[in-house]
Amino acid sequence: MTGYILGRLLGLFFSVLAISLILFLAVRWLPGTPWIEGEIPLTGSARDNMIRKYGLDEPVWKQYAKYLWNLSHLDLGNSYIYKTDSVWKTMARGWPATAKIGAITLLVSIPLGIFIGVVASLKQNSIFDYAMTLTATAGITVPNFAVAVWLVLFVAIYLDLTPTQGWGTWQHMILPVIAYSLAPLGLVARFTRVSMLEAMRSDYVRTARAKGLNEPTVVVRHIFKNALIPIITLFGPLLPNLMTGSIFIEQTFAIPGLGKHFVTSIFDRDYPVILGMFMLVAVLFGLTYVISDILYTWADPRVRLTRGS
C-alpha cells in the first residue's frame, strides 16, 4: 500500500509539472499584452519598463525556468495589475466567498443526493424513481449558468423573493447555492441509485436475506454500506470543482469570489494570477483524485488485493 501511495504521489508530481508547462505556454500565447489591455493601459516607455521589470523580454524557456524555481518555493509571483499584492493575496480575497458557497453546496447536494438515490433504488420502476431519475438527469445536463439566469428572472425579478445580485447576507446565497447544487446533486443521486441496484443483486445480499435478516437490516448493513464505496470516487472531481468556484455562477450573481478575480485577470492579461488560479485548481484536482483513489483502495478489499498482486 505504501508503494502504491508513493507511486500515485510521484505521478501527481509529474502531472503537475506537465500541466505547469502547458499552462505557462498557453498563457504566454494569449492574444493581447499586459498593461495594454484592461482598465489602466500603459504606453511607450512606461510599458517597456514594466516588461523589463517582470522579465517578459527574456526568452520563454528562461521565464519558465524562473517560474518553476519560484513555484518550488510556493511563490506564485505578484499581480501585474495590483503590484503590491502577491497572487496568494489576490486569491485569498476571493476564496472566502467561493469556499462558503462551495461548502454549503456540498452540505446540501451530497446528503440529499444520496437520500434521493437510495429511495429511488428501493422504489425501482415506480413513479418516484422515474421522476427522480428525470430530475437528476436534467440537473446534470442543464448548464448551471442557464439555471442561474432562470432563477434570477423568475425568483428574483418576477417573484421578487431574493436579491438579484450582491454579497453579504444569507439571502444573497440562496440562488447561487440552488444553481450550483443541481449538477452535483443529480450526479450523486444517479450514482447512488446505480450502486444500490448493483449491491441489491449481489450474492451477499441474497445470503443475508436467506439467513432471515429483516429488510431494514439488509438495506442498511449490507446494501447501503457497500453501495457507498464507489461513491468515494465522486469526491475526486466534485470537491475541488465546488471549492474553486464557478465563473458563470459568480459572474451572474456578482459574487466577489475566485471566479470574478479569474475573469478580471484574463481581461487584464495578468499572467501570474491566471497561472496561479489554474495551478491551484490543477493541484486540488490531482490531490483529491489521489486521496479518493487511496480511500477507495482501502475501503474495497477486492481492489486492494488486485493492486497488491
C-alpha atoms as a PDB file:
ATOM      1  CA  MET A   1       0.000   0.000   0.000  1.00  0.00           C
ATOM      2  CA  THR A   2       2.857   2.382   0.818  1.00  0.00           C
ATOM      3  CA  GLY A   3       4.433   1.734  -2.573  1.00  0.00           C
ATOM      4  CA  TYR A   4       1.101   2.394  -4.281  1.00  0.00           C
ATOM      5  CA  ILE A   5       0.670   5.721  -2.453  1.00  0.00           C
ATOM      6  CA  LEU A   6       4.220   6.815  -3.297  1.00  0.00           C
ATOM      7  CA  GLY A   7       3.636   5.854  -6.923  1.00  0.00           C
ATOM      8  CA  ARG A   8       0.461   7.925  -7.108  1.00  0.00           C
ATOM      9  CA  LEU A   9       2.167  10.931  -5.487  1.00  0.00           C
ATOM     10  CA  LEU A  10       5.079  10.655  -7.925  1.00  0.00           C
ATOM     11  CA  GLY A  11       2.623  10.503 -10.803  1.00  0.00           C
ATOM     12  CA  LEU A  12       0.873  13.583  -9.413  1.00  0.00           C
ATOM     13  CA  PHE A  13       4.201  15.453  -9.279  1.00  0.00           C
ATOM     14  CA  PHE A  14       4.958  14.793 -12.952  1.00  0.00           C
ATOM     15  CA  SER A  15       1.366  15.597 -13.927  1.00  0.00           C
ATOM     16  CA  VAL A  16       1.549  18.982 -12.185  1.00  0.00           C
ATOM     17  CA  LEU A  17       4.927  19.626 -13.848  1.00  0.00           C
ATOM     18  CA  ALA A  18       3.488  18.902 -17.300  1.00  0.00           C
ATOM     19  CA  ILE A  19       0.403  20.999 -16.571  1.00  0.00           C
ATOM     20  CA  SER A  20       2.570  23.931 -15.453  1.00  0.00           C
ATOM     21  CA  LEU A  21       4.471  23.856 -18.770  1.00  0.00           C
ATOM     22  CA  ILE A  22       1.306  23.642 -20.875  1.00  0.00           C
ATOM     23  CA  LEU A  23      -0.394  26.421 -18.908  1.00  0.00           C
ATOM     24  CA  PHE A  24       2.692  28.643 -18.984  1.00  0.00           C
ATOM     25  CA  LEU A  25       2.954  28.400 -22.771  1.00  0.00           C
ATOM     26  CA  ALA A  26      -0.806  28.785 -23.264  1.00  0.00           C
ATOM     27  CA  VAL A  27      -0.927  31.933 -21.121  1.00  0.00           C
ATOM     28  CA  ARG A  28       2.071  33.435 -22.941  1.00  0.00           C
ATOM     29  CA  TRP A  29       0.332  32.823 -26.266  1.00  0.00           C
ATOM     30  CA  LEU A  30      -2.858  34.606 -25.228  1.00  0.00           C
ATOM     31  CA  PRO A  31      -3.728  37.397 -27.666  1.00  0.00           C
ATOM     32  CA  GLY A  32      -3.093  40.837 -26.223  1.00  0.00           C
ATOM     33  CA  THR A  33      -0.371  42.174 -23.963  1.00  0.00           C
ATOM     34  CA  PRO A  34      -0.212  43.107 -20.263  1.00  0.00           C
ATOM     35  CA  TRP A  35      -0.527  46.826 -19.498  1.00  0.00           C
ATOM     36  CA  ILE A  36      -2.212  47.471 -22.865  1.00  0.00           C
ATOM     37  CA  GLU A  37      -5.403  45.534 -22.123  1.00  0.00           C
ATOM     38  CA  GLY A  38      -7.547  46.272 -19.081  1.00  0.00           C
ATOM     39  CA  GLU A  39      -8.655  49.389 -17.245  1.00  0.00           C
ATOM     40  CA  ILE A  40      -5.252  51.103 -16.890  1.00  0.00           C
ATOM     41  CA  PRO A  41      -3.358  50.750 -20.198  1.00  0.00           C
ATOM     42  CA  LEU A  42       0.261  51.915 -20.406  1.00  0.00           C
ATOM     43  CA  THR A  43       2.098  53.216 -23.435  1.00  0.00           C
ATOM     44  CA  GLY A  44       5.639  53.953 -24.532  1.00  0.00           C
ATOM     45  CA  SER A  45       8.493  53.824 -22.049  1.00  0.00           C
ATOM     46  CA  ALA A  46       6.212  53.107 -19.076  1.00  0.00           C
ATOM     47  CA  ARG A  47       5.078  49.853 -20.668  1.00  0.00           C
ATOM     48  CA  ASP A  48       8.642  48.946 -21.748  1.00  0.00           C
ATOM     49  CA  ASN A  49       9.862  49.455 -18.181  1.00  0.00           C
ATOM     50  CA  MET A  50       7.187  47.112 -16.846  1.00  0.00           C
ATOM     51  CA  ILE A  51       8.093  44.459 -19.442  1.00  0.00           C
ATOM     52  CA  ARG A  52      11.766  44.618 -18.393  1.00  0.00           C
ATOM     53  CA  LYS A  53      10.858  44.641 -14.690  1.00  0.00           C
ATOM     54  CA  TYR A  54       8.895  41.389 -14.945  1.00  0.00           C
ATOM     55  CA  GLY A  55      11.311  39.757 -17.405  1.00  0.00           C
ATOM     56  CA  LEU A  56       8.827  39.436 -20.258  1.00  0.00           C
ATOM     57  CA  ASP A  57      11.549  40.452 -22.729  1.00  0.00           C
ATOM     58  CA  GLU A  58      13.562  37.314 -21.877  1.00  0.00           C
ATOM     59  CA  PRO A  59      13.318  34.009 -23.804  1.00  0.00           C
ATOM     60  CA  VAL A  60      10.281  31.922 -22.887  1.00  0.00           C
ATOM     61  CA  TRP A  61      12.405  28.998 -21.629  1.00  0.00           C
ATOM     62  CA  LYS A  62      14.195  31.333 -19.220  1.00  0.00           C
ATOM     63  CA  GLN A  63      10.904  32.770 -17.988  1.00  0.00           C
ATOM     64  CA  TYR A  64       9.583  29.244 -17.412  1.00  0.00           C
ATOM     65  CA  ALA A  65      12.737  28.189 -15.552  1.00  0.00           C
ATOM     66  CA  LYS A  66      12.340  31.169 -13.204  1.00  0.00           C
ATOM     67  CA  TYR A  67       8.657  30.363 -12.760  1.00  0.00           C
ATOM     68  CA  LEU A  68       9.459  26.750 -11.835  1.00  0.00           C
ATOM     69  CA  TRP A  69      12.097  27.877  -9.340  1.00  0.00           C
ATOM     70  CA  ASN A  70       9.638  30.253  -7.685  1.00  0.00           C
ATOM     71  CA  LEU A  71       6.922  27.589  -7.798  1.00  0.00           C
ATOM     72  CA  SER A  72       9.184  25.152  -5.944  1.00  0.00           C
ATOM     73  CA  HIS A  73       9.261  27.732  -3.132  1.00  0.00           C
ATOM     74  CA  LEU A  74       5.441  28.158  -3.317  1.00  0.00           C
ATOM     75  CA  ASP A  75       5.960  31.650  -4.733  1.00  0.00           C
ATOM     76  CA  LEU A  76       3.354  32.373  -7.411  1.00  0.00           C
ATOM     77  CA  GLY A  77       4.653  35.888  -8.009  1.00  0.00           C
ATOM     78  CA  ASN A  78       2.966  39.272  -7.815  1.00  0.00           C
ATOM     79  CA  SER A  79      -0.010  40.542  -9.743  1.00  0.00           C
ATOM     80  CA  TYR A  80       0.874  42.748 -12.719  1.00  0.00           C
ATOM     81  CA  ILE A  81      -2.123  44.979 -12.071  1.00  0.00           C
ATOM     82  CA  TYR A  82      -2.163  45.087  -8.253  1.00  0.00           C
ATOM     83  CA  LYS A  83       1.595  45.446  -7.945  1.00  0.00           C
ATOM     84  CA  THR A  84       1.795  45.303  -4.151  1.00  0.00           C
ATOM     85  CA  ASP A  85      -0.344  42.163  -3.958  1.00  0.00           C
ATOM     86  CA  SER A  86       1.021  38.652  -4.323  1.00  0.00           C
ATOM     87  CA  VAL A  87      -1.008  36.108  -6.260  1.00  0.00           C
ATOM     88  CA  TRP A  88      -1.740  34.337  -2.966  1.00  0.00           C
ATOM     89  CA  LYS A  89      -3.152  37.562  -1.533  1.00  0.00           C
ATOM     90  CA  THR A  90      -5.244  38.157  -4.655  1.00  0.00           C
ATOM     91  CA  MET A  91      -6.713  34.655  -4.457  1.00  0.00           C
ATOM     92  CA  ALA A  92      -7.235  34.979  -0.695  1.00  0.00           C
ATOM     93  CA  ARG A  93      -9.593  37.908  -1.322  1.00  0.00           C
ATOM     94  CA  GLY A  94     -11.900  35.731  -3.407  1.00  0.00           C
ATOM     95  CA  TRP A  95     -11.518  32.447  -1.548  1.00  0.00           C
ATOM     96  CA  PRO A  96     -13.902  33.094   1.409  1.00  0.00           C
ATOM     97  CA  ALA A  97     -16.940  33.757  -0.793  1.00  0.00           C
ATOM     98  CA  THR A  98     -16.170  30.838  -3.104  1.00  0.00           C
ATOM     99  CA  ALA A  99     -15.441  28.455  -0.220  1.00  0.00           C
ATOM    100  CA  LYS A 100     -18.634  29.432   1.613  1.00  0.00           C
ATOM    101  CA  ILE A 101     -20.828  28.715  -1.411  1.00  0.00           C
ATOM    102  CA  GLY A 102     -18.905  25.516  -2.163  1.00  0.00           C
ATOM    103  CA  ALA A 103     -19.193  24.235   1.417  1.00  0.00           C
ATOM    104  CA  ILE A 104     -22.939  24.912   1.591  1.00  0.00           C
ATOM    105  CA  THR A 105     -23.393  23.276  -1.805  1.00  0.00           C
ATOM    106  CA  LEU A 106     -21.570  20.173  -0.558  1.00  0.00           C
ATOM    107  CA  LEU A 107     -23.684  20.026   2.608  1.00  0.00           C
ATOM    108  CA  VAL A 108     -26.863  20.276   0.519  1.00  0.00           C
ATOM    109  CA  SER A 109     -26.092  18.206  -2.566  1.00  0.00           C
ATOM    110  CA  ILE A 110     -24.256  15.167  -1.174  1.00  0.00           C
ATOM    111  CA  PRO A 111     -26.664  14.091   1.654  1.00  0.00           C
ATOM    112  CA  LEU A 112     -29.743  14.966  -0.402  1.00  0.00           C
ATOM    113  CA  GLY A 113     -28.346  13.231  -3.496  1.00  0.00           C
ATOM    114  CA  ILE A 114     -27.567  10.077  -1.506  1.00  0.00           C
ATOM    115  CA  PHE A 115     -31.054  10.111   0.061  1.00  0.00           C
ATOM    116  CA  ILE A 116     -32.783  10.519  -3.319  1.00  0.00           C
ATOM    117  CA  GLY A 117     -30.634   7.796  -4.878  1.00  0.00           C
ATOM    118  CA  VAL A 118     -31.367   5.357  -2.045  1.00  0.00           C
ATOM    119  CA  VAL A 119     -35.128   5.947  -2.137  1.00  0.00           C
ATOM    120  CA  ALA A 120     -35.218   5.739  -5.953  1.00  0.00           C
ATOM    121  CA  SER A 121     -33.378   2.396  -5.888  1.00  0.00           C
ATOM    122  CA  LEU A 122     -35.685   0.969  -3.208  1.00  0.00           C
ATOM    123  CA  LYS A 123     -38.703   2.055  -5.285  1.00  0.00           C
ATOM    124  CA  GLN A 124     -37.255   0.963  -8.641  1.00  0.00           C
ATOM    125  CA  ASN A 125     -39.552   1.448 -11.658  1.00  0.00           C
ATOM    126  CA  SER A 126     -42.041   3.464  -9.598  1.00  0.00           C
ATOM    127  CA  ILE A 127     -43.285   6.958 -10.445  1.00  0.00           C
ATOM    128  CA  PHE A 128     -40.920   8.377  -7.816  1.00  0.00           C
ATOM    129  CA  ASP A 129     -37.977   6.543  -9.402  1.00  0.00           C
ATOM    130  CA  TYR A 130     -38.789   7.857 -12.878  1.00  0.00           C
ATOM    131  CA  ALA A 131     -39.377  11.403 -11.600  1.00  0.00           C
ATOM    132  CA  MET A 132     -36.143  11.492  -9.587  1.00  0.00           C
ATOM    133  CA  THR A 133     -34.121   9.980 -12.442  1.00  0.00           C
ATOM    134  CA  LEU A 134     -35.508  12.564 -14.863  1.00  0.00           C
ATOM    135  CA  THR A 135     -34.847  15.405 -12.411  1.00  0.00           C
ATOM    136  CA  ALA A 136     -31.312  14.191 -11.701  1.00  0.00           C
ATOM    137  CA  THR A 137     -30.551  13.890 -15.415  1.00  0.00           C
ATOM    138  CA  ALA A 138     -31.845  17.419 -16.006  1.00  0.00           C
ATOM    139  CA  GLY A 139     -29.700  18.717 -13.155  1.00  0.00           C
ATOM    140  CA  ILE A 140     -26.598  17.186 -14.729  1.00  0.00           C
ATOM    141  CA  THR A 141     -27.256  18.178 -18.340  1.00  0.00           C
ATOM    142  CA  VAL A 142     -28.618  21.728 -17.987  1.00  0.00           C
ATOM    143  CA  PRO A 143     -25.692  24.196 -17.645  1.00  0.00           C
ATOM    144  CA  ASN A 144     -25.545  25.929 -14.269  1.00  0.00           C
ATOM    145  CA  PHE A 145     -25.338  29.368 -15.885  1.00  0.00           C
ATOM    146  CA  ALA A 146     -28.674  28.708 -17.629  1.00  0.00           C
ATOM    147  CA  VAL A 147     -30.212  27.663 -14.306  1.00  0.00           C
ATOM    148  CA  ALA A 148     -28.748  30.798 -12.709  1.00  0.00           C
ATOM    149  CA  VAL A 149     -30.315  33.066 -15.339  1.00  0.00           C
ATOM    150  CA  TRP A 150     -33.723  31.384 -14.982  1.00  0.00           C
ATOM    151  CA  LEU A 151     -33.576  31.712 -11.200  1.00  0.00           C
ATOM    152  CA  VAL A 152     -32.746  35.412 -11.457  1.00  0.00           C
ATOM    153  CA  LEU A 153     -35.564  36.051 -13.925  1.00  0.00           C
ATOM    154  CA  PHE A 154     -38.240  34.026 -12.134  1.00  0.00           C
ATOM    155  CA  VAL A 155     -37.385  34.056  -8.407  1.00  0.00           C
ATOM    156  CA  ALA A 156     -35.528  37.353  -8.015  1.00  0.00           C
ATOM    157  CA  ILE A 157     -37.223  39.575 -10.609  1.00  0.00           C
ATOM    158  CA  TYR A 158     -40.678  38.104 -11.275  1.00  0.00           C
ATOM    159  CA  LEU A 159     -41.469  36.875  -7.728  1.00  0.00           C
ATOM    160  CA  ASP A 160     -39.141  39.369  -6.004  1.00  0.00           C
ATOM    161  CA  LEU A 161     -38.220  36.860  -3.285  1.00  0.00           C
ATOM    162  CA  THR A 162     -34.434  37.268  -3.208  1.00  0.00           C
ATOM    163  CA  PRO A 163     -31.811  39.839  -4.265  1.00  0.00           C
ATOM    164  CA  THR A 164     -30.704  39.551  -7.883  1.00  0.00           C
ATOM    165  CA  GLN A 165     -27.005  40.169  -7.211  1.00  0.00           C
ATOM    166  CA  GLY A 166     -24.546  41.036  -4.482  1.00  0.00           C
ATOM    167  CA  TRP A 167     -22.923  39.526  -1.429  1.00  0.00           C
ATOM    168  CA  GLY A 168     -23.068  39.969   2.320  1.00  0.00           C
ATOM    169  CA  THR A 169     -26.289  38.411   3.647  1.00  0.00           C
ATOM    170  CA  TRP A 170     -27.672  34.872   3.702  1.00  0.00           C
ATOM    171  CA  GLN A 171     -30.336  35.910   1.172  1.00  0.00           C
ATOM    172  CA  HIS A 172     -27.592  36.509  -1.402  1.00  0.00           C
ATOM    173  CA  MET A 173     -26.530  32.846  -1.132  1.00  0.00           C
ATOM    174  CA  ILE A 174     -29.914  31.225  -1.811  1.00  0.00           C
ATOM    175  CA  LEU A 175     -29.978  31.392  -5.617  1.00  0.00           C
ATOM    176  CA  PRO A 176     -26.249  30.703  -6.167  1.00  0.00           C
ATOM    177  CA  VAL A 177     -26.402  27.610  -3.939  1.00  0.00           C
ATOM    178  CA  ILE A 178     -29.522  26.308  -5.723  1.00  0.00           C
ATOM    179  CA  ALA A 179     -27.959  26.860  -9.157  1.00  0.00           C
ATOM    180  CA  TYR A 180     -24.679  25.335  -8.036  1.00  0.00           C
ATOM    181  CA  SER A 181     -26.211  22.320  -6.232  1.00  0.00           C
ATOM    182  CA  LEU A 182     -28.295  20.849  -9.045  1.00  0.00           C
ATOM    183  CA  ALA A 183     -25.455  19.221 -11.005  1.00  0.00           C
ATOM    184  CA  PRO A 184     -23.638  17.554  -8.070  1.00  0.00           C
ATOM    185  CA  LEU A 185     -26.977  16.571  -6.502  1.00  0.00           C
ATOM    186  CA  GLY A 186     -28.088  14.883  -9.724  1.00  0.00           C
ATOM    187  CA  LEU A 187     -24.710  13.196 -10.157  1.00  0.00           C
ATOM    188  CA  VAL A 188     -24.662  11.818  -6.600  1.00  0.00           C
ATOM    189  CA  ALA A 189     -28.310  10.695  -6.850  1.00  0.00           C
ATOM    190  CA  ARG A 190     -27.791   8.770 -10.094  1.00  0.00           C
ATOM    191  CA  PHE A 191     -24.519   7.258  -8.904  1.00  0.00           C
ATOM    192  CA  THR A 192     -26.079   6.191  -5.584  1.00  0.00           C
ATOM    193  CA  ARG A 193     -29.070   4.633  -7.331  1.00  0.00           C
ATOM    194  CA  VAL A 194     -26.866   2.595  -9.680  1.00  0.00           C
ATOM    195  CA  SER A 195     -24.597   1.483  -6.812  1.00  0.00           C
ATOM    196  CA  MET A 196     -27.588   0.470  -4.681  1.00  0.00           C
ATOM    197  CA  LEU A 197     -29.157  -1.564  -7.501  1.00  0.00           C
ATOM    198  CA  GLU A 198     -25.838  -3.287  -8.163  1.00  0.00           C
ATOM    199  CA  ALA A 199     -25.451  -4.136  -4.470  1.00  0.00           C
ATOM    200  CA  MET A 200     -29.021  -5.479  -4.317  1.00  0.00           C
ATOM    201  CA  ARG A 201     -28.182  -8.098  -6.968  1.00  0.00           C
ATOM    202  CA  SER A 202     -25.053  -9.325  -5.185  1.00  0.00           C
ATOM    203  CA  ASP A 203     -24.655 -12.747  -3.612  1.00  0.00           C
ATOM    204  CA  TYR A 204     -24.028 -11.453  -0.091  1.00  0.00           C
ATOM    205  CA  VAL A 205     -27.406  -9.679  -0.080  1.00  0.00           C
ATOM    206  CA  ARG A 206     -29.201 -12.848  -1.164  1.00  0.00           C
ATOM    207  CA  THR A 207     -27.317 -14.731   1.551  1.00  0.00           C
ATOM    208  CA  ALA A 208     -28.317 -12.150   4.183  1.00  0.00           C
ATOM    209  CA  ARG A 209     -31.980 -12.471   3.210  1.00  0.00           C
ATOM    210  CA  ALA A 210     -31.725 -16.263   3.183  1.00  0.00           C
ATOM    211  CA  LYS A 211     -30.458 -16.129   6.775  1.00  0.00           C
ATOM    212  CA  GLY A 212     -33.698 -14.401   7.764  1.00  0.00           C
ATOM    213  CA  LEU A 213     -32.411 -10.874   8.404  1.00  0.00           C
ATOM    214  CA  ASN A 214     -35.163  -8.247   8.299  1.00  0.00           C
ATOM    215  CA  GLU A 215     -35.253  -5.871   5.327  1.00  0.00           C
ATOM    216  CA  PRO A 216     -34.099  -2.676   7.140  1.00  0.00           C
ATOM    217  CA  THR A 217     -31.010  -4.521   8.410  1.00  0.00           C
ATOM    218  CA  VAL A 218     -30.270  -5.879   4.936  1.00  0.00           C
ATOM    219  CA  VAL A 219     -30.639  -2.430   3.378  1.00  0.00           C
ATOM    220  CA  VAL A 220     -28.537  -0.548   5.936  1.00  0.00           C
ATOM    221  CA  ARG A 221     -25.813  -3.068   6.790  1.00  0.00           C
ATOM    222  CA  HIS A 222     -25.381  -4.907   3.504  1.00  0.00           C
ATOM    223  CA  ILE A 223     -26.739  -2.841   0.613  1.00  0.00           C
ATOM    224  CA  PHE A 224     -26.200   0.792   1.612  1.00  0.00           C
ATOM    225  CA  LYS A 225     -22.845   0.209   3.313  1.00  0.00           C
ATOM    226  CA  ASN A 226     -21.361  -1.466   0.225  1.00  0.00           C
ATOM    227  CA  ALA A 227     -23.053   0.915  -2.215  1.00  0.00           C
ATOM    228  CA  LEU A 228     -21.267   3.865  -0.596  1.00  0.00           C
ATOM    229  CA  ILE A 229     -17.810   2.561  -1.549  1.00  0.00           C
ATOM    230  CA  PRO A 230     -17.978   3.507  -5.280  1.00  0.00           C
ATOM    231  CA  ILE A 231     -19.368   6.944  -4.355  1.00  0.00           C
ATOM    232  CA  ILE A 232     -15.947   7.774  -2.885  1.00  0.00           C
ATOM    233  CA  THR A 233     -14.669   8.117  -6.458  1.00  0.00           C
ATOM    234  CA  LEU A 234     -17.044  11.043  -6.997  1.00  0.00           C
ATOM    235  CA  PHE A 235     -15.199  13.172  -4.464  1.00  0.00           C
ATOM    236  CA  GLY A 236     -12.154  13.369  -6.745  1.00  0.00           C
ATOM    237  CA  PRO A 237     -13.704  15.744  -9.301  1.00  0.00           C
ATOM    238  CA  LEU A 238     -16.513  17.051  -7.076  1.00  0.00           C
ATOM    239  CA  LEU A 239     -14.680  18.627  -4.125  1.00  0.00           C
ATOM    240  CA  PRO A 240     -12.174  20.845  -5.985  1.00  0.00           C
ATOM    241  CA  ASN A 241     -14.788  21.802  -8.555  1.00  0.00           C
ATOM    242  CA  LEU A 242     -17.099  23.125  -5.842  1.00  0.00           C
ATOM    243  CA  MET A 243     -14.380  24.700  -3.693  1.00  0.00           C
ATOM    244  CA  THR A 244     -12.725  26.629  -6.536  1.00  0.00           C
ATOM    245  CA  GLY A 245     -15.937  28.197  -7.729  1.00  0.00           C
ATOM    246  CA  SER A 246     -17.908  28.604 -10.921  1.00  0.00           C
ATOM    247  CA  ILE A 247     -17.042  31.513 -13.187  1.00  0.00           C
ATOM    248  CA  PHE A 248     -20.564  31.645 -14.621  1.00  0.00           C
ATOM    249  CA  ILE A 249     -22.340  31.484 -11.257  1.00  0.00           C
ATOM    250  CA  GLU A 250     -20.138  34.153  -9.693  1.00  0.00           C
ATOM    251  CA  GLN A 251     -20.428  36.429 -12.722  1.00  0.00           C
ATOM    252  CA  THR A 252     -24.218  36.037 -12.899  1.00  0.00           C
ATOM    253  CA  PHE A 253     -24.741  36.875  -9.222  1.00  0.00           C
ATOM    254  CA  ALA A 254     -21.818  39.359  -8.918  1.00  0.00           C
ATOM    255  CA  ILE A 255     -20.140  37.310  -6.188  1.00  0.00           C
ATOM    256  CA  PRO A 256     -16.619  38.533  -5.284  1.00  0.00           C
ATOM    257  CA  GLY A 257     -15.091  35.052  -5.454  1.00  0.00           C
ATOM    258  CA  LEU A 258     -12.243  33.341  -7.282  1.00  0.00           C
ATOM    259  CA  GLY A 259     -14.264  33.239 -10.495  1.00  0.00           C
ATOM    260  CA  LYS A 260     -14.590  37.030 -10.561  1.00  0.00           C
ATOM    261  CA  HIS A 261     -10.838  37.504  -9.996  1.00  0.00           C
ATOM    262  CA  PHE A 262     -10.084  34.957 -12.710  1.00  0.00           C
ATOM    263  CA  VAL A 263     -12.217  36.765 -15.290  1.00  0.00           C
ATOM    264  CA  THR A 264     -10.628  40.111 -14.345  1.00  0.00           C
ATOM    265  CA  SER A 265      -7.135  38.641 -14.698  1.00  0.00           C
ATOM    266  CA  ILE A 266      -7.991  37.283 -18.165  1.00  0.00           C
ATOM    267  CA  PHE A 267      -9.147  40.693 -19.387  1.00  0.00           C
ATOM    268  CA  ASP A 268      -6.096  42.413 -17.868  1.00  0.00           C
ATOM    269  CA  ARG A 269      -3.658  39.729 -19.130  1.00  0.00           C
ATOM    270  CA  ASP A 270      -2.447  39.365 -15.547  1.00  0.00           C
ATOM    271  CA  TYR A 271      -0.296  36.301 -16.244  1.00  0.00           C
ATOM    272  CA  PRO A 272       0.737  35.429 -12.644  1.00  0.00           C
ATOM    273  CA  VAL A 273      -2.871  35.460 -11.391  1.00  0.00           C
ATOM    274  CA  ILE A 274      -4.105  33.390 -14.357  1.00  0.00           C
ATOM    275  CA  LEU A 275      -1.346  30.826 -13.842  1.00  0.00           C
ATOM    276  CA  GLY A 276      -1.789  30.798 -10.069  1.00  0.00           C
ATOM    277  CA  MET A 277      -5.504  30.045 -10.267  1.00  0.00           C
ATOM    278  CA  PHE A 278      -5.023  27.342 -12.901  1.00  0.00           C
ATOM    279  CA  MET A 279      -2.269  25.729 -10.837  1.00  0.00           C
ATOM    280  CA  LEU A 280      -4.425  25.858  -7.695  1.00  0.00           C
ATOM    281  CA  VAL A 281      -7.232  24.027  -9.491  1.00  0.00           C
ATOM    282  CA  ALA A 282      -4.804  21.502 -11.032  1.00  0.00           C
ATOM    283  CA  VAL A 283      -3.177  20.666  -7.689  1.00  0.00           C
ATOM    284  CA  LEU A 284      -6.527  20.403  -5.879  1.00  0.00           C
ATOM    285  CA  PHE A 285      -7.936  18.112  -8.571  1.00  0.00           C
ATOM    286  CA  GLY A 286      -4.807  15.968  -8.521  1.00  0.00           C
ATOM    287  CA  LEU A 287      -4.704  15.675  -4.726  1.00  0.00           C
ATOM    288  CA  THR A 288      -8.386  14.823  -4.360  1.00  0.00           C
ATOM    289  CA  TYR A 289      -8.151  12.209  -7.126  1.00  0.00           C
ATOM    290  CA  VAL A 290      -5.195  10.590  -5.367  1.00  0.00           C
ATOM    291  CA  ILE A 291      -6.887  10.744  -1.946  1.00  0.00           C
ATOM    292  CA  SER A 292     -10.191   9.350  -3.261  1.00  0.00           C
ATOM    293  CA  ASP A 293      -8.330   6.581  -5.091  1.00  0.00           C
ATOM    294  CA  ILE A 294      -6.411   5.672  -1.924  1.00  0.00           C
ATOM    295  CA  LEU A 295      -9.624   5.683   0.141  1.00  0.00           C
ATOM    296  CA  TYR A 296     -11.351   3.522  -2.461  1.00  0.00           C
ATOM    297  CA  THR A 297      -8.446   1.068  -2.410  1.00  0.00           C
ATOM    298  CA  TRP A 298      -8.510   0.981   1.388  1.00  0.00           C
ATOM    299  CA  ALA A 299     -12.297   0.588   1.613  1.00  0.00           C
ATOM    300  CA  ASP A 300     -12.694  -2.150  -1.011  1.00  0.00           C
ATOM    301  CA  PRO A 301     -10.699  -5.327  -0.253  1.00  0.00           C
ATOM    302  CA  ARG A 302     -11.169  -6.564  -3.840  1.00  0.00           C
ATOM    303  CA  VAL A 303      -9.350  -3.532  -5.267  1.00  0.00           C
ATOM    304  CA  ARG A 304      -6.707  -3.774  -2.538  1.00  0.00           C
ATOM    305  CA  LEU A 305      -5.978  -7.399  -3.405  1.00  0.00           C
ATOM    306  CA  THR A 306      -5.897  -6.694  -7.155  1.00  0.00           C
ATOM    307  CA  ARG A 307      -3.460  -3.803  -6.817  1.00  0.00           C
ATOM    308  CA  GLY A 308      -1.399  -5.651  -4.248  1.00  0.00           C
ATOM    309  CA  SER A 309      -0.894  -8.519  -6.693  1.00  0.00           C
END
